[in-house]
Structure formats: structure tokens, C-alpha cells
Amino acid sequence: QGQVKESGGGLVQAGDSLRLSCTASGRRFDDYTMGWFRQAPGKAREGVACITWSGENTYYPDSVKGRFTISRDNAKNTVTLRIDTLQPEDTAMYYCAQGGYDYCDDSWFMNVVDFGWLGQGTQVTVSS
């Protein structure tokens, strides 16, 4: 049974930067696109970044473009999400996801929920 596990969340100040990490095990890491979701209290889950197996292609929705950066290290089975200039609106549970292969776009976020794997999440709280 494979596992996806996030780390790196916590309480941070507005304006700070933060790196979230995700490791995946049980499946060949570079067979899959990796990505991140977030869900704030009372709001729908939102896809915020994804990266194809090679790292060649990434996708960000307009809501986070320019502040979020996703990267991966296939040798370490790790994907990282860097968030710059954190804002209180970034407060949410952040989930790592694994699924699909050589595509990464807004449709990937819908498909991975049904056909991929999500971790348990890591909480990010931004104070003003």
C-alpha cells in the first residue's frame, strides 16, 4: 500500500515564506505527476500546484501564480511547495497528491481526487 505524507506546516507570520514537503512511498515516484491542494475552513478544496513526472511542466491557478513554486526530486521521492509572501488567506490544510503521469493542468486536480492518492494534510496558519 502506497503512502503520501506531508510535512512542514505550522504557524507563520504574514509576509514570510514557507516550504512544504511531501514524500511518497510504495509506488515508483517518477511514474506520477505530483501536486498540492489546500482547503480552508468552510471553503472548497482548491488545487494550487502540480508538476509532471519529469519536472518539465508545472501548473498553477491564477489565484497563486507568482507566489507558489512546486519542485520535485525524483531521487529522494520528494515534492516541495514553496509559498512566498504568505497571506492570512493562505491559511488552510495543505494536501499532497499523486496520480496521473505526463500531464498537469486544471483537469488533473479533478482526476487525481478520484483516481490518485492524497495525504492526510499539513496545517498552515498565517497570522497578520
Protein backbone atom coordinates (compact mmCIF):
# COMPACT_ATOMS: atom_id res chain seq x y z
CA GLN A 1 0.00 0.00 0.00
CA GLY A 2 1.48 3.32 -1.04
CA GLN A 3 1.61 6.36 1.14
CA VAL A 4 1.74 10.11 0.60
CA LYS A 5 2.88 12.18 3.57
CA GLU A 6 3.19 15.92 4.02
CA SER A 7 5.33 17.94 6.40
CA GLY A 8 6.44 21.49 7.01
CA GLY A 9 3.26 23.26 8.05
CA GLY A 10 2.95 25.49 11.08
CA LEU A 11 2.19 28.97 12.34
CA VAL A 12 3.88 31.72 10.35
CA GLN A 13 3.69 35.48 10.02
CA ALA A 14 2.22 37.27 7.05
CA GLY A 15 4.96 38.09 4.57
CA ASP A 16 7.06 35.06 5.48
CA SER A 17 7.94 32.18 3.18
CA LEU A 18 7.33 28.54 3.87
CA ARG A 19 8.34 25.22 2.32
CA LEU A 20 6.06 22.23 2.46
CA SER A 21 7.46 18.80 1.68
CA CYS A 22 5.82 15.60 0.60
CA THR A 23 7.27 12.14 0.37
CA ALA A 24 5.62 9.24 -1.40
CA SER A 25 6.34 5.56 -0.98
CA GLY A 26 5.05 2.25 -2.22
CA ARG A 27 4.89 3.27 -5.87
CA ARG A 28 7.53 4.28 -8.36
CA PHE A 29 7.74 8.01 -7.69
CA ASP A 30 8.67 9.15 -11.18
CA ASP A 31 5.70 7.33 -12.68
CA TYR A 32 3.38 10.03 -11.42
CA THR A 33 2.51 13.66 -11.57
CA MET A 34 2.58 15.23 -8.09
CA GLY A 35 0.60 18.16 -6.80
CA TRP A 36 -0.81 20.14 -3.91
CA PHE A 37 -4.31 21.07 -2.80
CA ARG A 38 -5.45 23.27 0.02
CA GLN A 39 -8.70 23.58 1.90
CA ALA A 40 -9.59 26.43 4.19
CA PRO A 41 -12.36 26.11 6.79
CA GLY A 42 -15.75 26.43 5.15
CA LYS A 43 -14.29 26.51 1.64
CA ALA A 44 -13.96 24.01 -1.17
CA ARG A 45 -10.73 22.17 -1.78
CA GLU A 46 -8.53 24.06 -4.24
CA GLY A 47 -5.72 22.74 -6.41
CA VAL A 48 -2.71 25.05 -6.09
CA ALA A 49 0.18 23.42 -7.95
CA CYS A 50 1.18 20.33 -9.89
CA ILE A 51 4.30 19.05 -11.62
CA THR A 52 4.73 16.27 -14.16
CA TRP A 53 6.92 13.25 -13.57
CA SER A 54 10.00 14.80 -15.18
CA GLY A 55 9.52 18.20 -13.61
CA GLU A 56 9.33 19.70 -17.08
CA ASN A 57 5.79 21.01 -16.78
CA THR A 58 4.10 22.78 -13.91
CA TYR A 59 0.72 24.39 -13.46
CA TYR A 60 -0.64 26.97 -11.03
CA PRO A 61 -4.06 28.55 -10.93
CA ASP A 62 -4.14 32.32 -11.25
CA SER A 63 -5.01 32.65 -7.56
CA VAL A 64 -1.49 31.58 -6.50
CA LYS A 65 0.63 32.15 -9.60
CA GLY A 66 3.79 34.07 -8.79
CA ARG A 67 3.85 33.17 -5.09
CA PHE A 68 3.77 29.36 -5.18
CA THR A 69 6.57 27.24 -6.63
CA ILE A 70 6.49 23.47 -6.92
CA SER A 71 9.55 21.31 -7.47
CA ARG A 72 10.46 17.65 -7.20
CA ASP A 73 13.45 15.47 -6.55
CA ASN A 74 12.83 12.04 -8.01
CA ALA A 75 15.98 10.63 -6.42
CA LYS A 76 14.54 11.45 -2.98
CA ASN A 77 10.87 10.71 -3.78
CA THR A 78 10.07 14.23 -2.63
CA VAL A 79 7.99 17.13 -3.91
CA THR A 80 8.25 20.60 -2.38
CA LEU A 81 5.87 23.53 -2.39
CA ARG A 82 7.40 26.91 -1.65
CA ILE A 83 4.98 29.67 -0.70
CA ASP A 84 6.28 33.23 -0.71
CA THR A 85 4.76 36.35 0.78
CA LEU A 86 2.30 34.37 2.87
CA GLN A 87 -1.06 36.00 3.48
CA PRO A 88 -3.73 35.22 6.08
CA GLU A 89 -5.89 33.96 3.19
CA ASP A 90 -3.33 31.17 2.68
CA THR A 91 -4.38 29.65 5.99
CA ALA A 92 -5.56 26.14 5.15
CA MET A 93 -4.84 22.46 5.36
CA TYR A 94 -2.44 21.61 2.55
CA TYR A 95 -2.62 18.18 0.94
CA CYS A 96 -0.12 16.43 -1.30
CA ALA A 97 -1.46 14.37 -4.19
CA GLN A 98 -0.02 11.76 -6.50
CA GLY A 99 -1.56 10.47 -9.71
CA GLY A 100 -1.65 10.64 -13.46
CA TYR A 101 1.53 10.69 -15.48
CA ASP A 102 2.56 13.18 -18.06
CA TYR A 103 0.05 15.93 -17.70
CA CYS A 104 -0.54 18.69 -15.23
CA ASP A 105 -3.38 21.17 -15.66
CA ASP A 106 -6.65 22.10 -14.01
CA SER A 107 -8.20 18.80 -15.06
CA TRP A 108 -5.51 16.90 -13.18
CA PHE A 109 -6.83 18.28 -9.88
CA MET A 110 -10.26 16.81 -10.58
CA ASN A 111 -8.96 13.48 -11.81
CA VAL A 112 -6.45 12.82 -9.04
CA VAL A 113 -9.13 13.04 -6.37
CA ASP A 114 -10.93 10.07 -7.98
CA PHE A 115 -8.00 8.10 -9.41
CA GLY A 116 -4.95 9.07 -7.38
CA TRP A 117 -3.79 9.35 -3.80
CA LEU A 118 -3.89 12.16 -1.27
CA GLY A 119 -2.06 12.55 2.01
CA GLN A 120 -3.51 13.44 5.40
CA GLY A 121 -2.52 17.08 5.13
CA THR A 122 -0.38 19.61 6.98
CA GLN A 123 -1.86 22.75 8.53
CA VAL A 124 -0.58 26.17 7.57
CA THR A 125 -1.76 29.10 9.67
CA VAL A 126 -0.76 32.64 8.73
CA SER A 127 -1.11 35.36 11.34
CA SER A 128 -1.41 39.01 10.34
